[in-house]
Amino acid sequence: MEAAPAKLPRIDFLYLSEADMIRAGVTDMATCVDTMEEMFALLHHGDYRMAGGNNNQHGAIIVFPENSPFATMPKPTTDRRFMAMPAYLGGRFQTAGMKWYGSNIDNRDKGLPRSILTFVLNDADTGAPLAYMSANLLSAYRTGAIPGVGARHLARKDSRMVGIVGPGVMARTSLEAFMATCPALDTVKIKGRGQANLDAFCAWVAQTFPQLHVRVVESDEEAVRDSDIATFCASVPTGDPSLYPTVRREWVRPGTFLSMPAPCNIDAAMQGAEIRKVLDFTGLYEAYREEIPKPVHRFIPAIGVRWFDLVDEGRLAATSLEDLSAIVAGAAPGRTSDDDIIMLSIGGMAVEDVAWGTQVYRRALAQGIGTRLNLWEQPALK
């Protein structure tokens, strides 16, 4: 008698709404910083993969043409794009995942965030989905945590004053990470364009960190001058680097740590050898150089991209660029002097989403948070 075919396993996965993600600890910044630090060590040792033949691509992007014969095709307005960011991360994570998002600055007129993000986490062996989750907070907190890792290794231990340009979400999560890693901070200076955003930021600081003194300043210069930590967190249109917020050498005092997770430029004096220039991960910027027409800074506004443009122009030595993953792994020095001026470029990588997504998923699983959904009882195609 012919044996019955073996029954294949059913596949379930966990759905995590934004409320579920909060319950599972997605806003736990101290743990997020620790998780990102762990991720950087894995990057340095090569236990990861991202997209592309070089395994270092930021992601795959859909952009729209200026002129299309199709009336229903979206127009290429500011920040109008779709993007997929896949990655695998080893170590204790051993998972793969992909962040997927659509973005349109006009969303704000509809009462929506500029970008709407989701994340799928997969078993690295079978490829089966483990979780499908809301990812706006996931992305915001992993982005903010990278400046925290930078501050842990590159800021003065006695840092007391932080200057911020741009009072949005990135400013809030960056400040949370600085507070988690620089406990002596007592003053924050904030510069913004709109009064409503400034008021909202100040109210949030008063509620979240009542021990901080908040000063609203009128210029980028005021935000940077006399700050132990300075960060540019404002979103601006890309395409013309002369319009990106610019750090000028005369603003920066010895010992300053400059964290740059948003569009940024520097003046000629900031190109000097006395300014330590640290990339979050060199491979990301090398991938940009392979893929995008030069000068790349027109299209990718991270300051590390500008540094590589200067390398290509023969105005900066590639050997002068440092790597945060090597510093975290102990293969290169962090801050060596109280007078070091250190600038960190933050580009954003899919492995960050995988690391934090895995951490939050496992906490949700352990605490019974989320909704279990079924993919199949038995696959129809075998």
Protein backbone atom coordinates (compact mmCIF):
# COMPACT_ATOMS: atom_id res chain seq x y z
CA MET A 1 0.00 0.00 0.00
CA GLU A 2 1.39 3.38 -1.03
CA ALA A 3 2.32 5.58 1.93
CA ALA A 4 0.47 8.88 2.33
CA PRO A 5 2.58 11.91 1.44
CA ALA A 6 4.25 13.56 4.41
CA LYS A 7 2.36 16.50 5.83
CA LEU A 8 4.32 19.70 5.42
CA PRO A 9 4.49 22.12 8.34
CA ARG A 10 2.00 24.95 8.58
CA ILE A 11 3.47 28.42 8.61
CA ASP A 12 2.29 31.11 10.98
CA PHE A 13 3.80 34.55 11.48
CA LEU A 14 3.34 37.36 13.97
CA TYR A 15 1.64 40.62 13.01
CA LEU A 16 2.78 43.55 15.14
CA SER A 17 0.86 46.82 14.91
CA GLU A 18 2.45 50.06 16.04
CA ALA A 19 0.77 49.67 19.44
CA ASP A 20 2.16 46.12 19.67
CA MET A 21 5.63 47.39 18.76
CA ILE A 22 5.49 49.93 21.57
CA ARG A 23 4.41 47.26 24.06
CA ALA A 24 7.30 45.08 22.85
CA GLY A 25 9.84 47.83 23.53
CA VAL A 26 10.57 49.43 20.17
CA THR A 27 11.08 52.78 21.98
CA ASP A 28 13.58 51.34 24.49
CA MET A 29 16.46 53.52 23.32
CA ALA A 30 19.11 52.26 25.74
CA THR A 31 18.63 48.68 24.52
CA CYS A 32 18.47 49.88 20.91
CA VAL A 33 21.86 51.59 21.26
CA ASP A 34 23.34 48.38 22.70
CA THR A 35 21.81 46.37 19.86
CA MET A 36 23.22 48.73 17.22
CA GLU A 37 26.65 48.50 18.83
CA GLU A 38 26.44 44.70 18.59
CA MET A 39 25.43 45.03 14.93
CA PHE A 40 28.44 47.23 14.14
CA ALA A 41 30.83 44.58 15.45
CA LEU A 42 29.18 42.02 13.15
CA LEU A 43 29.58 44.41 10.21
CA HIS A 44 33.28 44.78 10.90
CA HIS A 45 33.75 41.01 10.95
CA GLY A 46 31.68 40.52 7.76
CA ASP A 47 28.83 38.52 9.31
CA TYR A 48 26.11 40.27 7.30
CA ARG A 49 24.75 40.81 3.78
CA MET A 50 22.88 43.69 2.20
CA ALA A 51 21.64 44.12 -1.37
CA GLY A 52 23.63 44.15 -4.61
CA GLY A 53 26.67 42.39 -5.95
CA ASN A 54 28.82 44.28 -3.47
CA ASN A 55 26.51 43.24 -0.57
CA ASN A 56 26.50 46.84 0.66
CA GLN A 57 23.71 48.63 -1.19
CA HIS A 58 21.39 50.90 0.78
CA GLY A 59 18.41 49.41 -1.06
CA ALA A 60 16.44 49.33 -4.30
CA ILE A 61 14.47 52.45 -5.17
CA ILE A 62 11.61 53.29 -7.51
CA VAL A 63 11.62 56.88 -8.76
CA PHE A 64 9.25 58.50 -11.21
CA PRO A 65 9.99 60.39 -14.45
CA GLU A 66 9.44 64.09 -15.00
CA ASN A 67 7.31 63.29 -18.06
CA SER A 68 5.26 60.15 -18.43
CA PRO A 69 2.72 59.19 -21.10
CA PHE A 70 0.60 57.67 -18.32
CA ALA A 71 -1.65 60.20 -16.61
CA THR A 72 -2.04 58.04 -13.51
CA MET A 73 1.70 57.62 -12.85
CA PRO A 74 2.86 59.55 -9.74
CA LYS A 75 4.82 62.73 -10.34
CA PRO A 76 8.42 63.11 -9.07
CA THR A 77 7.58 65.59 -6.34
CA THR A 78 9.91 66.08 -3.37
CA ASP A 79 10.72 62.83 -1.59
CA ARG A 80 8.31 60.82 -3.81
CA ARG A 81 9.64 57.29 -3.94
CA PHE A 82 9.25 53.66 -3.01
CA MET A 83 12.17 51.73 -1.57
CA ALA A 84 13.00 48.19 -0.45
CA MET A 85 15.88 47.65 2.00
CA PRO A 86 16.79 43.94 2.45
CA ALA A 87 19.54 42.49 4.64
CA TYR A 88 20.79 39.46 6.53
CA LEU A 89 22.53 39.71 9.91
CA GLY A 90 24.45 36.89 11.62
CA GLY A 91 25.73 36.60 15.15
CA ARG A 92 22.93 35.86 17.62
CA PHE A 93 20.39 37.38 15.19
CA GLN A 94 20.58 34.85 12.31
CA THR A 95 17.67 36.50 10.52
CA ALA A 96 16.91 38.24 7.26
CA GLY A 97 14.44 41.03 6.66
CA MET A 98 13.27 43.84 4.46
CA LYS A 99 11.97 47.31 5.19
CA TRP A 100 9.55 48.58 2.54
CA TYR A 101 8.27 52.09 2.34
CA GLY A 102 6.59 54.72 0.30
CA SER A 103 7.44 58.38 0.82
CA ASN A 104 5.89 61.67 -0.25
CA ILE A 105 6.42 65.01 1.45
CA ASP A 106 2.83 65.96 0.51
CA ASN A 107 1.64 63.33 3.01
CA ARG A 108 1.93 66.00 5.68
CA ASP A 109 -0.98 67.85 4.11
CA LYS A 110 -3.04 64.69 4.60
CA GLY A 111 -2.11 64.34 8.26
CA LEU A 112 0.25 61.44 7.50
CA PRO A 113 3.97 60.94 8.11
CA ARG A 114 6.25 61.74 5.17
CA SER A 115 7.18 58.05 4.98
CA ILE A 116 5.00 55.04 5.81
CA LEU A 117 7.07 51.96 6.62
CA THR A 118 6.58 48.24 7.20
CA PHE A 119 9.11 45.50 7.92
CA VAL A 120 9.05 41.75 7.27
CA LEU A 121 11.36 39.46 9.25
CA ASN A 122 12.28 36.03 7.88
CA ASP A 123 13.86 32.83 9.12
CA ALA A 124 17.32 32.74 7.53
CA ASP A 125 17.18 28.95 6.97
CA THR A 126 13.73 28.31 5.47
CA GLY A 127 12.92 31.84 4.31
CA ALA A 128 9.55 31.60 6.08
CA PRO A 129 8.14 34.86 7.46
CA LEU A 130 8.50 35.29 11.20
CA ALA A 131 6.84 38.66 11.56
CA TYR A 132 5.22 41.52 9.67
CA MET A 133 5.44 44.73 11.61
CA SER A 134 4.72 48.42 11.63
CA ALA A 135 8.11 50.06 11.09
CA ASN A 136 7.93 53.84 11.46
CA LEU A 137 9.05 53.62 15.08
CA LEU A 138 11.41 50.74 14.33
CA SER A 139 13.18 52.87 11.72
CA ALA A 140 13.16 56.06 13.79
CA TYR A 141 14.69 54.41 16.84
CA ARG A 142 17.38 52.47 15.01
CA THR A 143 18.28 55.70 13.17
CA GLY A 144 18.51 57.66 16.42
CA ALA A 145 20.50 54.91 18.11
CA ILE A 146 23.43 55.22 15.68
CA PRO A 147 24.32 58.73 16.96
CA GLY A 148 24.19 57.17 20.43
CA VAL A 149 26.73 54.52 19.46
CA GLY A 150 28.85 57.30 17.97
CA ALA A 151 28.60 59.38 21.14
CA ARG A 152 29.56 56.42 23.31
CA HIS A 153 32.85 56.04 21.44
CA LEU A 154 33.53 59.51 20.03
CA ALA A 155 32.05 62.18 22.34
CA ARG A 156 33.77 63.54 25.42
CA LYS A 157 32.64 61.70 28.54
CA ASP A 158 31.90 65.00 30.25
CA SER A 159 29.74 66.37 27.40
CA ARG A 160 27.11 68.74 28.79
CA MET A 161 25.67 70.72 25.87
CA VAL A 162 24.12 69.41 22.65
CA GLY A 163 23.14 71.62 19.71
CA ILE A 164 20.49 70.38 17.27
CA VAL A 165 19.41 71.75 13.88
CA GLY A 166 15.95 70.53 12.91
CA PRO A 167 13.35 69.78 15.65
CA GLY A 168 11.74 66.72 14.04
CA VAL A 169 11.58 63.00 14.79
CA MET A 170 15.29 62.46 14.09
CA ALA A 171 16.15 65.18 16.60
CA ARG A 172 14.06 63.51 19.28
CA THR A 173 15.50 60.02 18.81
CA SER A 174 19.06 61.37 18.52
CA LEU A 175 18.62 63.27 21.77
CA GLU A 176 17.23 60.15 23.44
CA ALA A 177 20.34 58.25 22.35
CA PHE A 178 22.68 61.00 23.53
CA MET A 179 20.93 60.99 26.91
CA ALA A 180 21.36 57.20 27.11
CA THR A 181 25.11 57.44 26.48
CA CYS A 182 26.16 60.87 27.84
CA PRO A 183 24.57 61.18 31.28
CA ALA A 184 26.22 64.55 32.07
CA LEU A 185 24.20 66.40 29.39
CA ASP A 186 22.26 69.27 30.92
CA THR A 187 21.53 71.70 28.06
CA VAL A 188 20.03 71.36 24.57
CA LYS A 189 20.05 74.12 21.98
CA ILE A 190 17.51 73.77 19.18
CA LYS A 191 17.23 75.60 15.87
CA GLY A 192 14.19 75.18 13.63
CA ARG A 193 12.32 76.90 10.83
CA GLY A 194 8.73 76.69 12.07
CA GLN A 195 7.43 77.82 15.44
CA ALA A 196 4.97 74.94 15.71
CA ASN A 197 7.74 72.35 15.38
CA LEU A 198 9.93 74.21 17.85
CA ASP A 199 7.09 74.41 20.37
CA ALA A 200 6.35 70.70 19.97
CA PHE A 201 10.02 69.78 20.43
CA CYS A 202 10.39 71.95 23.53
CA ALA A 203 7.22 70.49 25.05
CA TRP A 204 8.46 66.96 24.36
CA VAL A 205 11.84 67.67 26.00
CA ALA A 206 10.12 69.19 29.05
CA GLN A 207 8.02 66.04 29.46
CA THR A 208 10.69 63.46 28.57
CA PHE A 209 13.85 65.01 30.02
CA PRO A 210 12.73 67.63 32.55
CA GLN A 211 16.32 67.86 33.85
CA LEU A 212 17.44 69.48 30.57
CA HIS A 213 17.57 73.22 30.02
CA VAL A 214 16.30 74.08 26.50
CA ARG A 215 17.47 77.10 24.51
CA VAL A 216 15.94 78.04 21.17
CA VAL A 217 18.60 79.55 18.89
CA GLU A 218 18.28 81.46 15.63
CA SER A 219 21.03 79.99 13.44
CA ASP A 220 22.99 76.84 12.62
CA GLU A 221 26.06 78.66 13.91
CA GLU A 222 24.51 79.18 17.35
CA ALA A 223 23.53 75.52 17.47
CA VAL A 224 27.13 74.40 16.80
CA ARG A 225 29.16 77.02 18.72
CA ASP A 226 30.18 75.97 22.25
CA SER A 227 28.37 72.63 21.91
CA ASP A 228 30.06 69.42 23.07
CA ILE A 229 27.81 67.50 20.67
CA ALA A 230 26.22 69.01 17.55
CA THR A 231 23.86 67.32 15.11
CA PHE A 232 22.04 68.29 11.92
CA CYS A 233 18.66 66.53 11.70
CA ALA A 234 16.78 68.68 9.16
CA SER A 235 15.36 67.23 5.95
CA VAL A 236 16.10 69.30 2.83
CA PRO A 237 15.67 68.67 -0.92
CA THR A 238 18.64 66.97 -2.58
CA GLY A 239 20.35 67.98 -5.81
CA ASP A 240 22.26 71.13 -4.86
CA PRO A 241 24.87 70.55 -2.10
CA SER A 242 25.40 74.30 -1.76
CA LEU A 243 21.92 74.43 -0.20
CA TYR A 244 22.57 71.63 2.32
CA PRO A 245 23.13 72.78 5.93
CA THR A 246 26.87 73.52 6.18
CA VAL A 247 29.26 73.20 9.11
CA ARG A 248 31.94 75.92 9.17
CA ARG A 249 35.26 75.37 10.86
CA GLU A 250 35.21 78.60 12.87
CA TRP A 251 32.05 77.43 14.64
CA VAL A 252 33.60 74.23 16.00
CA ARG A 253 35.60 74.27 19.22
CA PRO A 254 38.16 71.58 20.22
CA GLY A 255 36.56 68.44 21.59
CA THR A 256 33.30 68.66 19.63
CA PHE A 257 31.56 65.54 18.37
CA LEU A 258 29.49 66.23 15.24
CA SER A 259 26.81 63.62 14.48
CA MET A 260 25.31 63.93 11.00
CA PRO A 261 22.35 61.63 10.21
CA ALA A 262 20.75 64.12 7.76
CA PRO A 263 21.85 66.24 4.76
CA CYS A 264 25.07 68.09 5.48
CA ASN A 265 27.97 69.89 3.84
CA ILE A 266 31.26 71.34 5.13
CA ASP A 267 33.37 74.34 4.26
CA ALA A 268 36.94 73.99 2.96
CA ALA A 269 38.50 74.35 6.42
CA MET A 270 36.48 71.38 7.74
CA GLN A 271 38.28 69.23 5.16
CA GLY A 272 41.51 69.63 7.14
CA ALA A 273 43.45 66.68 8.50
CA GLU A 274 42.84 67.81 12.10
CA ILE A 275 39.12 66.99 11.66
CA ARG A 276 38.62 63.26 12.22
CA LYS A 277 36.15 61.95 9.64
CA VAL A 278 34.33 58.78 10.65
CA LEU A 279 31.96 56.77 8.42
CA ASP A 280 29.34 54.61 10.06
CA PHE A 281 30.32 51.82 7.63
CA THR A 282 32.75 52.27 4.74
CA GLY A 283 31.15 49.61 2.53
CA LEU A 284 27.93 51.61 2.20
CA TYR A 285 29.76 54.61 0.73
CA GLU A 286 31.88 52.48 -1.57
CA ALA A 287 28.63 51.02 -2.95
CA TYR A 288 27.31 54.53 -3.61
CA ARG A 289 30.53 55.33 -5.52
CA GLU A 290 30.02 52.27 -7.73
CA GLU A 291 26.38 52.95 -8.50
CA ILE A 292 25.80 56.70 -8.75
CA PRO A 293 27.21 59.33 -11.15
CA LYS A 294 29.83 61.63 -9.67
CA PRO A 295 29.76 63.89 -7.78
CA VAL A 296 27.57 61.60 -5.70
CA HIS A 297 26.77 64.21 -3.04
CA ARG A 298 24.22 65.75 -5.41
CA PHE A 299 22.06 62.66 -5.01
CA ILE A 300 23.04 61.25 -1.59
CA PRO A 301 23.38 64.12 0.89
CA ALA A 302 25.28 62.27 3.65
CA ILE A 303 28.52 64.03 4.57
CA GLY A 304 30.49 60.79 4.09
CA VAL A 305 29.50 60.87 0.43
CA ARG A 306 31.01 64.35 0.21
CA TRP A 307 34.23 63.01 1.70
CA PHE A 308 34.43 60.33 -0.98
CA ASP A 309 33.75 62.95 -3.66
CA LEU A 310 36.75 64.84 -2.25
CA VAL A 311 38.80 61.63 -2.45
CA ASP A 312 37.83 61.23 -6.10
CA GLU A 313 38.82 64.86 -6.73
CA GLY A 314 42.24 64.26 -5.17
CA ARG A 315 41.56 66.69 -2.32
CA LEU A 316 41.32 64.14 0.49
CA ALA A 317 43.22 60.93 1.19
CA ALA A 318 41.05 57.82 1.40
CA THR A 319 43.26 56.64 4.28
CA SER A 320 42.11 59.63 6.35
CA LEU A 321 38.56 58.24 6.54
CA GLU A 322 37.79 56.14 9.62
CA ASP A 323 35.11 53.52 10.25
CA LEU A 324 32.75 53.31 13.25
CA SER A 325 32.36 49.54 12.89
CA ALA A 326 36.13 49.11 13.28
CA ILE A 327 36.10 51.43 16.32
CA VAL A 328 33.24 49.50 17.95
CA ALA A 329 35.02 46.19 17.25
CA GLY A 330 38.19 47.49 18.93
CA ALA A 331 40.20 47.39 15.71
CA ALA A 332 40.63 51.18 15.59
CA PRO A 333 40.76 53.88 18.27
CA GLY A 334 37.78 55.95 19.34
CA ARG A 335 38.32 59.34 20.94
CA THR A 336 41.99 59.67 21.86
CA SER A 337 42.06 63.23 23.18
CA ASP A 338 39.69 65.70 24.81
CA ASP A 339 40.57 68.08 21.96
CA ASP A 340 39.68 65.73 19.08
CA ILE A 341 37.11 67.19 16.68
CA ILE A 342 35.25 64.18 15.29
CA MET A 343 32.57 64.19 12.61
CA LEU A 344 30.41 61.09 12.08
CA SER A 345 28.54 60.42 8.83
CA ILE A 346 25.38 58.31 9.23
CA GLY A 347 23.95 56.78 6.07
CA GLY A 348 21.30 54.34 7.29
CA MET A 349 21.52 50.60 6.59
CA ALA A 350 19.06 47.74 6.30
CA VAL A 351 21.05 45.64 8.78
CA GLU A 352 20.00 48.13 11.45
CA ASP A 353 16.34 47.32 10.82
CA VAL A 354 17.06 43.59 10.93
CA ALA A 355 18.93 43.91 14.23
CA TRP A 356 16.29 45.99 16.00
CA GLY A 357 13.38 44.20 14.32
CA THR A 358 14.72 40.84 15.53
CA GLN A 359 15.18 42.15 19.07
CA VAL A 360 11.64 43.55 19.23
CA TYR A 361 10.13 40.43 17.60
CA ARG A 362 11.76 38.11 20.11
CA ARG A 363 10.56 40.25 23.01
CA ALA A 364 7.02 40.24 21.56
CA LEU A 365 7.16 36.47 21.16
CA ALA A 366 8.31 35.98 24.75
CA GLN A 367 5.61 38.29 26.14
CA GLY A 368 2.73 37.04 23.99
CA ILE A 369 2.34 40.36 22.15
CA GLY A 370 0.89 40.57 18.64
CA THR A 371 -1.54 38.67 16.46
CA ARG A 372 -0.61 35.28 15.03
CA LEU A 373 -1.61 34.95 11.37
CA ASN A 374 -1.56 31.87 9.17
CA LEU A 375 0.25 31.78 5.83
CA TRP A 376 -0.89 28.24 5.04
CA GLU A 377 -1.94 24.99 6.70
CA GLN A 378 -0.44 23.14 3.73
CA PRO A 379 1.10 24.80 0.68
CA ALA A 380 -1.10 24.38 -2.40
CA LEU A 381 2.05 24.06 -4.55
CA LYS A 382 4.44 21.41 -3.29
